[in-house]
Protein backbone atom coordinates (compact mmCIF):
# COMPACT_ATOMS: atom_id res chain seq x y z
CA UNK A 1 55.14 20.68 60.98
CA UNK A 2 51.44 20.69 61.74
CA UNK A 3 49.05 18.34 60.01
CA UNK A 4 45.28 18.58 60.58
CA UNK A 5 44.09 15.27 61.89
CA UNK A 6 47.36 14.63 63.71
CA UNK A 7 47.20 17.74 65.85
CA UNK A 8 50.90 18.18 66.41
CA UNK A 9 54.42 17.79 65.19
CA UNK A 10 55.17 14.84 62.93
CA UNK A 11 58.46 13.00 63.41
CA UNK A 12 60.50 12.31 60.27
CA UNK A 13 59.83 8.56 60.39
CA UNK A 14 57.70 6.50 62.72
CA UNK A 15 54.04 6.16 63.63
CA UNK A 16 51.96 8.95 65.04
CA UNK A 17 49.14 8.59 67.50
CA UNK A 18 46.31 10.69 66.15
CA UNK A 19 42.61 11.29 66.50
CA UNK A 20 40.61 10.05 63.56
CA UNK A 21 39.39 12.53 60.97
CA UNK A 22 36.31 11.52 58.98
CA UNK A 23 37.33 9.69 55.79
CA UNK A 24 35.01 11.99 53.84
CA UNK A 25 37.37 14.86 54.66
CA UNK A 26 40.20 13.37 52.60
CA UNK A 27 38.67 13.45 49.14
CA UNK A 28 35.98 15.94 48.17
CA UNK A 29 32.58 14.65 47.11
CA UNK A 30 31.91 13.08 44.69
CA UNK A 31 34.13 10.07 45.22
CA UNK A 32 36.68 9.07 42.56
CA UNK A 33 34.37 6.22 41.53
CA UNK A 34 31.52 8.72 40.97
CA UNK A 35 33.75 11.04 38.97
CA UNK A 36 35.05 8.22 36.80
CA UNK A 37 31.49 7.16 36.03
CA UNK A 38 30.26 10.68 35.22
CA UNK A 39 29.77 11.23 31.48
CA UNK A 40 31.86 14.00 29.99
CA UNK A 41 34.33 14.06 32.87
CA UNK A 42 37.87 14.93 31.78
CA UNK A 43 39.45 14.17 35.16
CA UNK A 44 41.92 11.27 34.93
CA UNK A 45 42.78 9.27 38.03
CA UNK A 46 46.50 8.48 38.23
CA UNK A 47 47.71 6.16 40.98
CA UNK A 48 51.39 5.48 41.57
CA UNK A 49 52.57 2.29 43.28
CA UNK A 50 55.73 1.70 45.30
CA UNK A 51 56.46 -1.41 47.34
CA UNK A 52 59.04 -3.88 48.56
CA UNK A 53 57.03 -6.77 47.06
CA UNK A 54 59.44 -7.61 44.24
CA UNK A 55 58.18 -9.14 41.00
CA UNK A 56 58.68 -12.86 41.65
CA UNK A 57 55.15 -13.53 42.89
CA UNK A 58 51.60 -12.25 42.48
CA UNK A 59 51.46 -9.56 45.20
CA UNK A 60 51.87 -6.61 42.81
CA UNK A 61 49.21 -8.03 40.53
CA UNK A 62 46.85 -8.57 43.45
CA UNK A 63 47.33 -4.98 44.61
CA UNK A 64 46.63 -3.69 41.10
CA UNK A 65 43.55 -5.91 40.83
CA UNK A 66 42.16 -4.57 44.10
CA UNK A 67 42.67 -0.97 42.95
CA UNK A 68 41.18 -1.56 39.51
CA UNK A 69 38.13 -3.26 41.08
CA UNK A 70 37.32 0.09 42.71
CA UNK A 71 38.62 2.42 39.97
CA UNK A 72 38.61 0.52 36.65
CA UNK A 73 39.56 3.58 34.58
CA UNK A 74 42.53 4.53 36.73
CA UNK A 75 45.99 4.72 35.24
CA UNK A 76 48.40 2.74 37.43
CA UNK A 77 52.07 3.75 37.35
CA UNK A 78 54.68 1.47 38.92
CA UNK A 79 57.34 3.62 40.56
CA UNK A 80 59.19 0.53 41.80
CA UNK A 81 58.54 -2.74 43.55
CA UNK A 82 62.25 -3.27 44.22
CA UNK A 83 62.60 -1.35 47.48
CA UNK A 84 64.88 -3.47 49.67
CA UNK A 85 62.63 -5.65 51.86
CA UNK A 86 61.28 -3.77 54.89
CA UNK A 87 63.59 -0.78 54.29
CA UNK A 88 61.26 2.09 55.18
CA UNK A 89 64.04 4.69 54.78
CA UNK A 90 64.88 3.57 51.22
CA UNK A 91 61.18 3.49 50.32
CA UNK A 92 60.64 6.97 51.76
CA UNK A 93 63.59 8.31 49.77
CA UNK A 94 62.48 6.72 46.49
CA UNK A 95 58.91 7.94 46.89
CA UNK A 96 60.01 11.47 47.77
CA UNK A 97 62.24 11.85 44.71
CA UNK A 98 59.52 10.58 42.35
CA UNK A 99 56.39 12.53 43.32
CA UNK A 100 57.18 15.92 41.77
CA UNK A 101 57.06 14.38 38.27
CA UNK A 102 53.32 13.73 38.62
CA UNK A 103 50.41 16.12 38.31
CA UNK A 104 48.85 17.63 41.41
CA UNK A 105 46.06 15.40 42.66
CA UNK A 106 47.84 12.11 41.92
CA UNK A 107 47.22 9.30 44.41
CA UNK A 108 50.41 7.64 45.66
CA UNK A 109 50.11 4.18 47.23
CA UNK A 110 53.21 2.89 49.02
CA UNK A 111 53.71 -0.32 50.99
CA UNK A 112 57.02 -0.93 52.74
CA UNK A 113 56.32 -2.16 56.22
CA UNK A 114 58.27 -4.46 58.51
CA UNK A 115 55.03 -4.88 60.47
CA UNK A 116 52.81 -5.84 57.54
CA UNK A 117 50.08 -8.16 58.72
CA UNK A 118 50.30 -6.66 62.20
CA UNK A 119 47.92 -4.30 63.93
CA UNK A 120 49.66 -1.24 62.43
CA UNK A 121 47.07 1.10 61.02
CA UNK A 122 47.06 2.63 57.59
CA UNK A 123 47.08 6.36 56.98
CA UNK A 124 46.04 8.66 54.16
CA UNK A 125 47.66 12.08 53.90
CA UNK A 126 46.75 14.93 51.59
CA UNK A 127 49.71 17.12 50.68
CA UNK A 128 49.34 20.87 50.29
CA UNK A 129 49.70 20.41 46.51
CA UNK A 130 46.60 18.16 46.50
CA UNK A 131 48.19 14.73 46.11
CA UNK A 132 46.90 11.92 48.33
CA UNK A 133 49.30 9.41 49.90
CA UNK A 134 48.10 6.04 51.23
CA UNK A 135 50.23 3.56 53.14
CA UNK A 136 51.25 2.26 56.55
CA UNK A 137 51.59 4.71 59.44
CA UNK A 138 55.34 4.18 59.78
CA UNK A 139 56.76 7.40 58.30
CA UNK A 140 57.14 6.02 54.76
CA UNK A 141 54.96 8.72 53.24
CA UNK A 142 56.16 11.72 55.20
CA UNK A 143 59.23 12.89 53.17
CA UNK A 144 57.16 12.90 49.97
CA UNK A 145 54.36 14.85 51.65
CA UNK A 146 56.88 17.43 52.87
CA UNK A 147 58.35 17.70 49.35
CA UNK A 148 54.88 18.63 48.06
CA UNK A 149 54.35 21.44 50.55
CA UNK A 150 53.54 19.64 53.75
CA UNK A 151 50.50 17.91 55.12
CA UNK A 152 47.10 19.54 54.63
CA UNK A 153 45.07 16.69 56.12
CA UNK A 154 45.59 13.26 57.68
CA UNK A 155 43.12 10.41 58.00
CA UNK A 156 44.10 7.43 60.12
CA UNK A 157 42.69 4.11 59.00
CA UNK A 158 41.50 1.46 61.37
CA UNK A 159 43.64 -1.57 62.00
CA UNK A 160 42.20 -4.78 60.63
CA UNK A 161 42.86 -7.99 62.53
CA UNK A 162 43.62 -10.98 60.38
CA UNK A 163 45.02 -9.10 57.40
CA UNK A 164 47.05 -11.23 55.03
CA UNK A 165 50.73 -10.75 55.56
CA UNK A 166 53.41 -10.29 52.96
CA UNK A 167 56.13 -12.93 53.33
CA UNK A 168 59.19 -10.67 53.80
């Protein structure tokens, strides 16, 4: 299956080496922050969250705080934070069976990554239906993107040295 930005076939799970596509290509102008601030705008930003963080610490709250700092009017929906630790296949399955229940254009954030805190880059994928998926470039997002019609665009994020790691 072709995905602009990746320039080739995408394996079912696993990272893909890809040229970078400009981040501006992922979401049309204006940015979500601009739209949320525009008076009279009826567009509602819905962001789903899926992780292997569990609920026994503050990681889920920190993730929500970071999102709300950028998009304070967003509606955050917890799909689950009980994915078995580092189980990318389980996370991919759970995300893929949940996404059809949401409106086109929903943003889906998923974090299940045995290499969290490593040099693994992030990726943002826009599905043919218009949903945007953000997470690690380890195949976690791919089954859900395929369920929504395939990949229309991919943007690879830069790796960030010194990221805080999750203690799984």
